Amino acid sequence: MQIVTITIFVSYMVFVAEAGNAIAQAPAPPKPAAALNAQEIETRVRVLEFQLKALQERVRASRSATLDCNSGKYDEFLFQTGSLIFFAACTKIEPYLEGHRITVNIGNPHSFNFSNVKGSLHYGKDVLETIKKNQKVDVSVMDTVRSGSWNTITVIVNPSKPEDMRYLNLELSAEAAESMR
């Protein structure tokens, strides 16, 4: 009985020592809210809301696809109005007028066609700037997103600068699904 008591006591002491080290190494707290101006507070709130949304989406599949135009790799995402997984991949980005034309493939692995597909493409230098400036352009797919295939859409961002095309995030929704029987 004494050996068990000593083991528990030693384990408790190790836990207390590790907790003390973690507290000593913790970063300094951010500037108090009273010292911030209204714009800084609003920015912090928007960033925290975005981070909360990102954490909530990790629990369930993501409602948006982050596009990587350098590698062309695909990202999985859910339409805003459903729970089926789709794929998105940037296949080309090129200068167009005073902005850019982005070609995106939408993969529909399901046996349903989806129509009235709409959404938005968020863009910016990075996530924070995209949130701060609320940079986005509406996306409207005139054709049906056909079942069992990759469907190409083109998005025009005009005006835009090359540095605005570093972070691209696509959100889509569909109003109708049609069986292929």
N, C-alpha and C. Protein backbone atom coordinates (compact mmCIF):
# COMPACT_ATOMS: atom_id res chain seq x y z
N MET A 1 0.82 -1.19 0.00
CA MET A 1 0.00 0.00 0.00
C MET A 1 0.86 1.25 0.00
N GLN A 2 1.99 1.22 0.66
CA GLN A 2 2.86 2.38 0.71
C GLN A 2 3.50 2.65 -0.64
N ILE A 3 3.81 1.62 -1.41
CA ILE A 3 4.43 1.80 -2.72
C ILE A 3 3.47 2.52 -3.66
N VAL A 4 2.22 2.15 -3.64
CA VAL A 4 1.22 2.79 -4.48
C VAL A 4 1.09 4.27 -4.10
N THR A 5 1.08 4.58 -2.85
CA THR A 5 0.97 5.95 -2.38
C THR A 5 2.16 6.78 -2.85
N ILE A 6 3.35 6.23 -2.77
CA ILE A 6 4.55 6.94 -3.21
C ILE A 6 4.50 7.18 -4.72
N THR A 7 4.06 6.19 -5.49
CA THR A 7 3.97 6.34 -6.94
C THR A 7 2.99 7.44 -7.31
N ILE A 8 1.86 7.48 -6.65
CA ILE A 8 0.87 8.52 -6.93
C ILE A 8 1.43 9.88 -6.56
N PHE A 9 2.11 9.97 -5.38
CA PHE A 9 2.69 11.24 -4.95
C PHE A 9 3.76 11.71 -5.92
N VAL A 10 4.64 10.82 -6.37
CA VAL A 10 5.70 11.17 -7.32
C VAL A 10 5.09 11.61 -8.64
N SER A 11 4.07 10.90 -9.13
CA SER A 11 3.39 11.27 -10.38
C SER A 11 2.76 12.65 -10.25
N TYR A 12 2.16 12.92 -9.09
CA TYR A 12 1.54 14.22 -8.85
C TYR A 12 2.60 15.32 -8.86
N MET A 13 3.74 15.09 -8.25
CA MET A 13 4.82 16.08 -8.21
C MET A 13 5.36 16.36 -9.61
N VAL A 14 5.50 15.31 -10.45
CA VAL A 14 5.96 15.49 -11.83
C VAL A 14 4.94 16.32 -12.60
N PHE A 15 3.65 16.02 -12.42
CA PHE A 15 2.59 16.77 -13.10
C PHE A 15 2.64 18.24 -12.70
N VAL A 16 2.79 18.52 -11.41
CA VAL A 16 2.84 19.90 -10.92
C VAL A 16 4.06 20.62 -11.50
N ALA A 17 5.20 19.94 -11.55
CA ALA A 17 6.42 20.55 -12.09
C ALA A 17 6.25 20.86 -13.57
N GLU A 18 5.66 19.93 -14.35
CA GLU A 18 5.45 20.16 -15.79
C GLU A 18 4.46 21.31 -16.01
N ALA A 19 3.42 21.37 -15.20
CA ALA A 19 2.44 22.46 -15.32
C ALA A 19 3.09 23.80 -15.03
N GLY A 20 3.96 23.83 -14.03
CA GLY A 20 4.67 25.07 -13.71
C GLY A 20 5.57 25.51 -14.85
N ASN A 21 6.25 24.57 -15.50
CA ASN A 21 7.10 24.90 -16.65
C ASN A 21 6.26 25.43 -17.81
N ALA A 22 5.11 24.83 -18.04
CA ALA A 22 4.25 25.28 -19.14
C ALA A 22 3.76 26.69 -18.89
N ILE A 23 3.43 27.01 -17.65
CA ILE A 23 2.97 28.37 -17.33
C ILE A 23 4.11 29.36 -17.50
N ALA A 24 5.31 28.98 -17.09
CA ALA A 24 6.47 29.87 -17.21
C ALA A 24 6.82 30.14 -18.67
N GLN A 25 6.55 29.17 -19.56
CA GLN A 25 6.88 29.33 -20.97
C GLN A 25 5.75 29.92 -21.79
N ALA A 26 4.60 30.15 -21.20
CA ALA A 26 3.45 30.67 -21.94
C ALA A 26 3.77 32.06 -22.49
N PRO A 27 3.28 32.37 -23.71
CA PRO A 27 3.55 33.69 -24.28
C PRO A 27 2.85 34.79 -23.48
N ALA A 28 3.38 35.97 -23.60
CA ALA A 28 2.80 37.12 -22.91
C ALA A 28 1.39 37.36 -23.44
N PRO A 29 0.47 37.76 -22.58
CA PRO A 29 -0.90 38.00 -23.04
C PRO A 29 -0.93 39.17 -24.02
N PRO A 30 -1.91 39.15 -24.95
CA PRO A 30 -2.01 40.25 -25.91
C PRO A 30 -2.35 41.56 -25.22
N LYS A 31 -2.20 42.63 -25.98
CA LYS A 31 -2.50 43.96 -25.47
C LYS A 31 -3.94 44.00 -24.95
N PRO A 32 -4.18 44.59 -23.77
CA PRO A 32 -5.55 44.62 -23.23
C PRO A 32 -6.51 45.32 -24.19
N ALA A 33 -7.76 44.87 -24.19
CA ALA A 33 -8.77 45.41 -25.10
C ALA A 33 -8.95 46.92 -24.94
N ALA A 34 -8.75 47.44 -23.74
CA ALA A 34 -8.92 48.87 -23.51
C ALA A 34 -7.89 49.69 -24.28
N ALA A 35 -6.72 49.10 -24.58
CA ALA A 35 -5.67 49.83 -25.29
C ALA A 35 -5.84 49.75 -26.81
N LEU A 36 -6.79 48.99 -27.29
CA LEU A 36 -7.02 48.84 -28.73
C LEU A 36 -8.02 49.88 -29.22
N ASN A 37 -7.86 50.29 -30.47
CA ASN A 37 -8.87 51.17 -31.04
C ASN A 37 -9.99 50.32 -31.64
N ALA A 38 -11.06 50.94 -32.07
CA ALA A 38 -12.23 50.22 -32.57
C ALA A 38 -11.91 49.36 -33.77
N GLN A 39 -11.07 49.85 -34.67
CA GLN A 39 -10.72 49.08 -35.87
C GLN A 39 -9.92 47.83 -35.51
N GLU A 40 -9.00 47.93 -34.56
CA GLU A 40 -8.23 46.77 -34.13
C GLU A 40 -9.12 45.73 -33.46
N ILE A 41 -10.08 46.18 -32.68
CA ILE A 41 -11.01 45.26 -32.03
C ILE A 41 -11.86 44.56 -33.08
N GLU A 42 -12.35 45.32 -34.05
CA GLU A 42 -13.18 44.72 -35.11
C GLU A 42 -12.37 43.69 -35.89
N THR A 43 -11.12 44.00 -36.19
CA THR A 43 -10.27 43.05 -36.91
C THR A 43 -10.06 41.79 -36.09
N ARG A 44 -9.78 41.95 -34.80
CA ARG A 44 -9.60 40.78 -33.92
C ARG A 44 -10.85 39.92 -33.88
N VAL A 45 -12.00 40.56 -33.77
CA VAL A 45 -13.26 39.81 -33.72
C VAL A 45 -13.46 39.04 -35.03
N ARG A 46 -13.21 39.69 -36.17
CA ARG A 46 -13.38 39.01 -37.46
C ARG A 46 -12.42 37.83 -37.60
N VAL A 47 -11.17 38.00 -37.14
CA VAL A 47 -10.20 36.91 -37.20
C VAL A 47 -10.63 35.77 -36.30
N LEU A 48 -11.09 36.09 -35.08
CA LEU A 48 -11.55 35.05 -34.16
C LEU A 48 -12.78 34.32 -34.71
N GLU A 49 -13.70 35.07 -35.33
CA GLU A 49 -14.86 34.43 -35.94
C GLU A 49 -14.43 33.50 -37.07
N PHE A 50 -13.46 33.93 -37.87
CA PHE A 50 -12.96 33.09 -38.95
C PHE A 50 -12.31 31.83 -38.39
N GLN A 51 -11.49 31.99 -37.34
CA GLN A 51 -10.83 30.84 -36.74
C GLN A 51 -11.86 29.88 -36.13
N LEU A 52 -12.90 30.41 -35.50
CA LEU A 52 -13.95 29.58 -34.95
C LEU A 52 -14.66 28.81 -36.06
N LYS A 53 -14.96 29.49 -37.15
CA LYS A 53 -15.60 28.83 -38.29
C LYS A 53 -14.70 27.72 -38.82
N ALA A 54 -13.39 27.99 -38.91
CA ALA A 54 -12.45 26.99 -39.40
C ALA A 54 -12.42 25.77 -38.48
N LEU A 55 -12.46 25.99 -37.17
CA LEU A 55 -12.47 24.88 -36.23
C LEU A 55 -13.77 24.08 -36.34
N GLN A 56 -14.89 24.77 -36.51
CA GLN A 56 -16.17 24.08 -36.66
C GLN A 56 -16.17 23.24 -37.92
N GLU A 57 -15.56 23.76 -38.98
CA GLU A 57 -15.52 23.02 -40.23
C GLU A 57 -14.59 21.82 -40.17
N ARG A 58 -13.60 21.85 -39.29
CA ARG A 58 -12.73 20.69 -39.12
C ARG A 58 -13.50 19.53 -38.52
N VAL A 59 -14.50 19.85 -37.71
CA VAL A 59 -15.30 18.81 -37.11
C VAL A 59 -16.13 18.12 -38.18
N ARG A 60 -16.64 18.86 -39.09
CA ARG A 60 -17.35 18.29 -40.23
C ARG A 60 -16.56 18.67 -41.48
N ALA A 61 -16.90 18.12 -42.59
CA ALA A 61 -16.18 18.43 -43.82
C ALA A 61 -16.26 19.91 -44.13
N SER A 62 -15.26 20.43 -44.80
CA SER A 62 -15.17 21.85 -45.09
C SER A 62 -16.22 22.28 -46.10
N ARG A 63 -16.77 23.47 -45.90
CA ARG A 63 -17.76 24.04 -46.80
C ARG A 63 -17.12 24.87 -47.91
N SER A 64 -15.80 24.85 -47.99
CA SER A 64 -15.12 25.59 -49.05
C SER A 64 -13.86 24.85 -49.45
N ALA A 65 -13.38 25.15 -50.65
CA ALA A 65 -12.17 24.52 -51.17
C ALA A 65 -11.09 25.58 -51.32
N THR A 66 -9.91 25.31 -50.79
CA THR A 66 -8.78 26.19 -50.98
C THR A 66 -8.07 25.74 -52.25
N LEU A 67 -7.94 26.66 -53.20
CA LEU A 67 -7.37 26.32 -54.52
C LEU A 67 -5.88 26.61 -54.56
N ASP A 68 -5.12 25.67 -55.06
CA ASP A 68 -3.67 25.82 -55.23
C ASP A 68 -3.37 25.81 -56.72
N CYS A 69 -3.23 27.01 -57.30
CA CYS A 69 -3.02 27.11 -58.75
C CYS A 69 -1.59 26.74 -59.15
N ASN A 70 -0.66 26.69 -58.20
CA ASN A 70 0.71 26.31 -58.53
C ASN A 70 0.82 24.81 -58.79
N SER A 71 0.20 24.01 -57.95
CA SER A 71 0.31 22.55 -58.09
C SER A 71 -0.88 21.95 -58.82
N GLY A 72 -2.04 22.61 -58.78
CA GLY A 72 -3.24 22.08 -59.41
C GLY A 72 -3.88 20.96 -58.62
N LYS A 73 -3.42 20.72 -57.38
CA LYS A 73 -4.01 19.63 -56.60
C LYS A 73 -5.43 19.98 -56.21
N TYR A 74 -6.24 18.96 -56.02
CA TYR A 74 -7.64 19.18 -55.69
C TYR A 74 -7.84 19.28 -54.18
N ASP A 75 -8.97 19.85 -53.81
CA ASP A 75 -9.38 19.94 -52.41
C ASP A 75 -10.82 19.45 -52.33
N GLU A 76 -11.15 18.74 -51.27
CA GLU A 76 -12.52 18.29 -51.05
C GLU A 76 -13.31 19.40 -50.36
N PHE A 77 -14.61 19.47 -50.69
CA PHE A 77 -15.48 20.44 -50.02
C PHE A 77 -16.93 20.02 -50.15
N LEU A 78 -17.77 20.62 -49.34
CA LEU A 78 -19.21 20.41 -49.40
C LEU A 78 -19.87 21.64 -49.97
N PHE A 79 -20.94 21.46 -50.74
CA PHE A 79 -21.73 22.61 -51.14
C PHE A 79 -22.32 23.22 -49.87
N GLN A 80 -22.58 24.52 -49.91
CA GLN A 80 -23.15 25.22 -48.75
C GLN A 80 -24.52 24.66 -48.38
N THR A 81 -25.21 24.06 -49.34
CA THR A 81 -26.58 23.61 -49.13
C THR A 81 -26.72 22.10 -49.04
N GLY A 82 -25.66 21.37 -48.77
CA GLY A 82 -25.79 19.92 -48.73
C GLY A 82 -24.69 19.27 -47.92
N SER A 83 -24.66 17.94 -48.01
CA SER A 83 -23.65 17.20 -47.25
C SER A 83 -22.91 16.19 -48.12
N LEU A 84 -22.91 16.41 -49.43
CA LEU A 84 -22.17 15.54 -50.34
C LEU A 84 -20.81 16.17 -50.66
N ILE A 85 -19.78 15.32 -50.73
CA ILE A 85 -18.44 15.82 -50.99
C ILE A 85 -18.23 16.01 -52.50
N PHE A 86 -17.61 17.15 -52.85
CA PHE A 86 -17.21 17.47 -54.21
C PHE A 86 -15.72 17.77 -54.19
N PHE A 87 -15.14 17.95 -55.37
CA PHE A 87 -13.72 18.26 -55.49
C PHE A 87 -13.56 19.54 -56.29
N ALA A 88 -12.51 20.29 -56.01
CA ALA A 88 -12.20 21.49 -56.78
C ALA A 88 -10.69 21.56 -56.98
N ALA A 89 -10.30 21.95 -58.20
CA ALA A 89 -8.87 22.11 -58.52
C ALA A 89 -8.71 23.27 -59.49
N CYS A 90 -7.75 24.13 -59.20
CA CYS A 90 -7.41 25.23 -60.10
C CYS A 90 -6.54 24.65 -61.21
N THR A 91 -6.98 24.81 -62.46
CA THR A 91 -6.20 24.27 -63.57
C THR A 91 -5.39 25.34 -64.29
N LYS A 92 -5.85 26.60 -64.19
CA LYS A 92 -5.13 27.67 -64.87
C LYS A 92 -5.49 29.01 -64.26
N ILE A 93 -4.49 29.88 -64.19
CA ILE A 93 -4.72 31.27 -63.80
C ILE A 93 -3.91 32.12 -64.76
N GLU A 94 -4.56 33.11 -65.35
CA GLU A 94 -3.89 33.92 -66.36
C GLU A 94 -4.36 35.36 -66.31
N PRO A 95 -3.50 36.30 -66.74
CA PRO A 95 -3.93 37.70 -66.80
C PRO A 95 -5.10 37.85 -67.77
N TYR A 96 -6.03 38.72 -67.40
CA TYR A 96 -7.21 38.94 -68.23
C TYR A 96 -7.67 40.37 -68.01
N LEU A 97 -7.67 41.18 -69.07
CA LEU A 97 -8.00 42.60 -68.99
C LEU A 97 -7.15 43.24 -67.89
N GLU A 98 -7.78 43.81 -66.86
CA GLU A 98 -7.03 44.43 -65.76
C GLU A 98 -6.99 43.53 -64.53
N GLY A 99 -7.25 42.24 -64.71
CA GLY A 99 -7.30 41.31 -63.60
C GLY A 99 -6.81 39.93 -64.00
N HIS A 100 -7.58 38.91 -63.59
CA HIS A 100 -7.19 37.53 -63.83
C HIS A 100 -8.40 36.68 -64.21
N ARG A 101 -8.13 35.65 -65.00
CA ARG A 101 -9.13 34.64 -65.33
C ARG A 101 -8.64 33.34 -64.70
N ILE A 102 -9.49 32.74 -63.87
CA ILE A 102 -9.13 31.53 -63.16
C ILE A 102 -10.02 30.40 -63.67
N THR A 103 -9.39 29.31 -64.09
CA THR A 103 -10.13 28.15 -64.56
C THR A 103 -10.09 27.10 -63.46
N VAL A 104 -11.29 26.66 -63.06
CA VAL A 104 -11.42 25.70 -61.95
C VAL A 104 -12.21 24.50 -62.44
N ASN A 105 -11.74 23.30 -62.09
CA ASN A 105 -12.49 22.09 -62.34
C ASN A 105 -13.22 21.69 -61.07
N ILE A 106 -14.52 21.40 -61.21
CA ILE A 106 -15.35 20.92 -60.11
C ILE A 106 -15.64 19.46 -60.37
N GLY A 107 -15.20 18.60 -59.46
CA GLY A 107 -15.44 17.17 -59.59
C GLY A 107 -16.71 16.75 -58.88
N ASN A 108 -17.60 16.09 -59.61
CA ASN A 108 -18.85 15.60 -59.05
C ASN A 108 -18.83 14.07 -59.11
N PRO A 109 -18.47 13.41 -58.02
CA PRO A 109 -18.38 11.94 -58.04
C PRO A 109 -19.72 11.24 -57.85
N HIS A 110 -20.80 11.99 -57.79
CA HIS A 110 -22.12 11.42 -57.50
C HIS A 110 -22.89 11.10 -58.78
N SER A 111 -23.99 10.40 -58.63
CA SER A 111 -24.80 10.02 -59.79
C SER A 111 -25.96 10.99 -60.01
N PHE A 112 -25.80 12.21 -59.53
CA PHE A 112 -26.80 13.26 -59.69
C PHE A 112 -26.17 14.45 -60.41
N ASN A 113 -26.95 15.11 -61.25
CA ASN A 113 -26.55 16.40 -61.80
C ASN A 113 -27.04 17.47 -60.84
N PHE A 114 -26.28 18.55 -60.73
CA PHE A 114 -26.68 19.66 -59.87
C PHE A 114 -26.82 20.91 -60.73
N SER A 115 -27.92 21.63 -60.53
CA SER A 115 -28.16 22.82 -61.35
C SER A 115 -28.33 24.05 -60.46
N ASN A 116 -28.30 25.21 -61.13
CA ASN A 116 -28.35 26.50 -60.44
C ASN A 116 -27.24 26.60 -59.38
N VAL A 117 -26.04 26.28 -59.82
CA VAL A 117 -24.89 26.32 -58.92
C VAL A 117 -24.36 27.75 -58.87
N LYS A 118 -24.23 28.27 -57.65
CA LYS A 118 -23.75 29.63 -57.43
C LYS A 118 -22.80 29.62 -56.25
N GLY A 119 -22.07 30.70 -56.08
CA GLY A 119 -21.18 30.79 -54.94
C GLY A 119 -20.29 32.00 -55.02
N SER A 120 -19.14 31.90 -54.38
CA SER A 120 -18.20 33.02 -54.40
C SER A 120 -16.77 32.49 -54.29
N LEU A 121 -15.87 33.28 -54.87
CA LEU A 121 -14.44 33.02 -54.79
C LEU A 121 -13.84 34.13 -53.95
N HIS A 122 -13.25 33.77 -52.82
CA HIS A 122 -12.59 34.73 -51.95
C HIS A 122 -11.11 34.73 -52.35
N TYR A 123 -10.50 35.90 -52.39
CA TYR A 123 -9.11 35.99 -52.84
C TYR A 123 -8.35 37.06 -52.07
N GLY A 124 -7.04 36.92 -52.04
CA GLY A 124 -6.19 37.90 -51.38
C GLY A 124 -4.76 37.41 -51.27
N LYS A 125 -3.92 38.22 -50.62
CA LYS A 125 -2.53 37.85 -50.41
C LYS A 125 -2.42 36.69 -49.44
N ASP A 126 -3.30 36.69 -48.43
CA ASP A 126 -3.34 35.62 -47.43
C ASP A 126 -4.73 35.62 -46.80
N VAL A 127 -4.95 34.70 -45.89
CA VAL A 127 -6.27 34.57 -45.27
C VAL A 127 -6.67 35.84 -44.54
N LEU A 128 -5.75 36.40 -43.78
CA LEU A 128 -6.07 37.59 -42.98
C LEU A 128 -6.49 38.76 -43.86
N GLU A 129 -5.75 39.02 -44.93
CA GLU A 129 -6.12 40.13 -45.81
C GLU A 129 -7.45 39.88 -46.49
N THR A 130 -7.70 38.63 -46.87
CA THR A 130 -8.97 38.29 -47.51
C THR A 130 -10.13 38.60 -46.58
N ILE A 131 -9.96 38.29 -45.30
CA ILE A 131 -11.02 38.56 -44.32
C ILE A 131 -11.15 40.06 -44.10
N LYS A 132 -10.02 40.73 -43.90
CA LYS A 132 -10.05 42.17 -43.62
C LYS A 132 -10.72 42.96 -44.73
N LYS A 133 -10.32 42.68 -45.96
CA LYS A 133 -10.82 43.45 -47.10
C LYS A 133 -12.09 42.86 -47.70
N ASN A 134 -12.49 41.67 -47.23
CA ASN A 134 -13.67 40.99 -47.76
C ASN A 134 -13.63 40.93 -49.29
N GLN A 135 -12.50 40.49 -49.80
CA GLN A 135 -12.31 40.41 -51.25
C GLN A 135 -12.95 39.13 -51.78
N LYS A 136 -13.98 39.30 -52.60
CA LYS A 136 -14.63 38.13 -53.20
C LYS A 136 -15.32 38.54 -54.48
N VAL A 137 -15.56 37.56 -55.30
CA VAL A 137 -16.27 37.75 -56.55
C VAL A 137 -17.32 36.64 -56.65
N ASP A 138 -18.49 36.97 -57.17
CA ASP A 138 -19.55 35.98 -57.32
C ASP A 138 -19.21 35.00 -58.42
N VAL A 139 -19.63 33.76 -58.20
CA VAL A 139 -19.42 32.68 -59.18
C VAL A 139 -20.80 32.15 -59.55
N SER A 140 -21.04 32.04 -60.83
CA SER A 140 -22.31 31.48 -61.30
C SER A 140 -22.00 30.48 -62.41
N VAL A 141 -22.42 29.25 -62.20
CA VAL A 141 -22.20 28.21 -63.20
C VAL A 141 -23.49 28.09 -64.00
N MET A 142 -23.43 28.47 -65.27
CA MET A 142 -24.63 28.42 -66.10
C MET A 142 -25.05 26.99 -66.40
N ASP A 143 -24.07 26.15 -66.70
CA ASP A 143 -24.38 24.76 -67.03
C ASP A 143 -24.61 23.95 -65.76
N THR A 144 -25.09 22.78 -65.94
CA THR A 144 -25.28 21.84 -64.86
C THR A 144 -23.94 21.24 -64.47
N VAL A 145 -23.73 21.01 -63.19
CA VAL A 145 -22.54 20.26 -62.75
C VAL A 145 -22.91 18.79 -62.95
N ARG A 146 -22.35 18.23 -64.01
CA ARG A 146 -22.71 16.88 -64.45
C ARG A 146 -22.19 15.81 -63.50
N SER A 147 -22.93 14.73 -63.42
CA SER A 147 -22.57 13.63 -62.53
C SER A 147 -21.36 12.87 -63.04
N GLY A 148 -20.58 12.34 -62.12
CA GLY A 148 -19.46 11.46 -62.46
C GLY A 148 -18.39 12.07 -63.34
N SER A 149 -18.19 13.39 -63.26
CA SER A 149 -17.19 14.00 -64.14
C SER A 149 -16.64 15.28 -63.53
N TRP A 150 -15.58 15.78 -64.18
CA TRP A 150 -15.02 17.08 -63.84
C TRP A 150 -15.71 18.12 -64.70
N ASN A 151 -16.14 19.21 -64.11
CA ASN A 151 -16.85 20.28 -64.80
C ASN A 151 -16.01 21.54 -64.69
N THR A 152 -15.77 22.20 -65.82
CA THR A 152 -14.92 23.38 -65.84
C THR A 152 -15.74 24.66 -65.69
N ILE A 153 -15.28 25.52 -64.79
CA ILE A 153 -15.88 26.85 -64.65
C ILE A 153 -14.76 27.88 -64.76
N THR A 154 -15.13 29.07 -65.21
CA THR A 154 -14.17 30.17 -65.32
C THR A 154 -14.65 31.31 -64.44
N VAL A 155 -13.71 31.84 -63.66
CA VAL A 155 -14.03 32.95 -62.76
C VAL A 155 -13.14 34.13 -63.15
N ILE A 156 -13.76 35.29 -63.35
CA ILE A 156 -13.02 36.51 -63.69
C ILE A 156 -12.93 37.37 -62.43
N VAL A 157 -11.70 37.75 -62.08
CA VAL A 157 -11.47 38.67 -60.97
C VAL A 157 -10.87 39.93 -61.59
N ASN A 158 -11.69 40.98 -61.67
CA ASN A 158 -11.27 42.19 -62.37
C ASN A 158 -11.79 43.41 -61.62
N PRO A 159 -10.94 44.30 -61.18
CA PRO A 159 -9.49 44.33 -61.31
C PRO A 159 -8.83 43.52 -60.19
N SER A 160 -7.61 43.10 -60.45
CA SER A 160 -6.83 42.40 -59.43
C SER A 160 -5.36 42.48 -59.81
N LYS A 161 -4.52 42.31 -58.79
CA LYS A 161 -3.07 42.30 -58.98
C LYS A 161 -2.58 40.87 -58.77
N PRO A 162 -1.41 40.53 -59.31
CA PRO A 162 -0.90 39.17 -59.12
C PRO A 162 -0.80 38.75 -57.65
N GLU A 163 -0.40 39.66 -56.77
CA GLU A 163 -0.28 39.30 -55.35
C GLU A 163 -1.64 39.01 -54.71
N ASP A 164 -2.74 39.48 -55.33
CA ASP A 164 -4.07 39.18 -54.82
C ASP A 164 -4.50 37.75 -55.10
N MET A 165 -3.75 37.03 -55.90
CA MET A 165 -4.13 35.68 -56.31
C MET A 165 -3.39 34.60 -55.52
N ARG A 166 -2.79 34.96 -54.39
CA ARG A 166 -2.03 33.97 -53.60
C ARG A 166 -2.94 33.07 -52.78
N TYR A 167 -4.07 33.60 -52.32
CA TYR A 167 -5.01 32.80 -51.53
C TYR A 167 -6.35 32.80 -52.24
N LEU A 168 -6.82 31.62 -52.64
CA LEU A 168 -8.10 31.48 -53.33
C LEU A 168 -8.94 30.44 -52.58
N ASN A 169 -10.18 30.81 -52.27
CA ASN A 169 -11.06 29.91 -51.54
C ASN A 169 -12.43 29.95 -52.20
N LEU A 170 -12.94 28.79 -52.59
CA LEU A 170 -14.18 28.69 -53.36
C LEU A 170 -15.30 28.09 -52.51
N GLU A 171 -16.47 28.75 -52.53
CA GLU A 171 -17.67 28.24 -51.87
C GLU A 171 -18.77 28.16 -52.93
N LEU A 172 -19.49 27.03 -52.97
CA LEU A 172 -20.57 26.86 -53.94
C LEU A 172 -21.80 26.27 -53.26
N SER A 173 -22.95 26.48 -53.88
CA SER A 173 -24.20 25.83 -53.46
C SER A 173 -25.01 25.53 -54.70
N ALA A 174 -25.92 24.57 -54.58
CA ALA A 174 -26.78 24.21 -55.70
C ALA A 174 -28.22 24.22 -55.23
N GLU A 175 -29.12 24.63 -56.12
CA GLU A 175 -30.53 24.70 -55.76
C GLU A 175 -31.28 23.42 -56.10
N ALA A 176 -30.77 22.64 -57.06
CA ALA A 176 -31.52 21.44 -57.48
C ALA A 176 -30.58 20.30 -57.83
N ALA A 177 -31.05 19.09 -57.59
CA ALA A 177 -30.32 17.88 -57.97
C ALA A 177 -31.26 17.02 -58.79
N GLU A 178 -30.72 16.44 -59.87
CA GLU A 178 -31.52 15.63 -60.78
C GLU A 178 -30.92 14.25 -60.89
N SER A 179 -31.74 13.23 -60.77
CA SER A 179 -31.28 11.84 -60.91
C SER A 179 -30.94 11.55 -62.36
N MET A 180 -30.01 10.65 -62.57
CA MET A 180 -29.60 10.31 -63.94
C MET A 180 -30.25 9.03 -64.45
N ARG A 181 -31.37 8.62 -63.95
CA ARG A 181 -32.05 7.39 -64.40
C ARG A 181 -32.69 7.57 -65.72
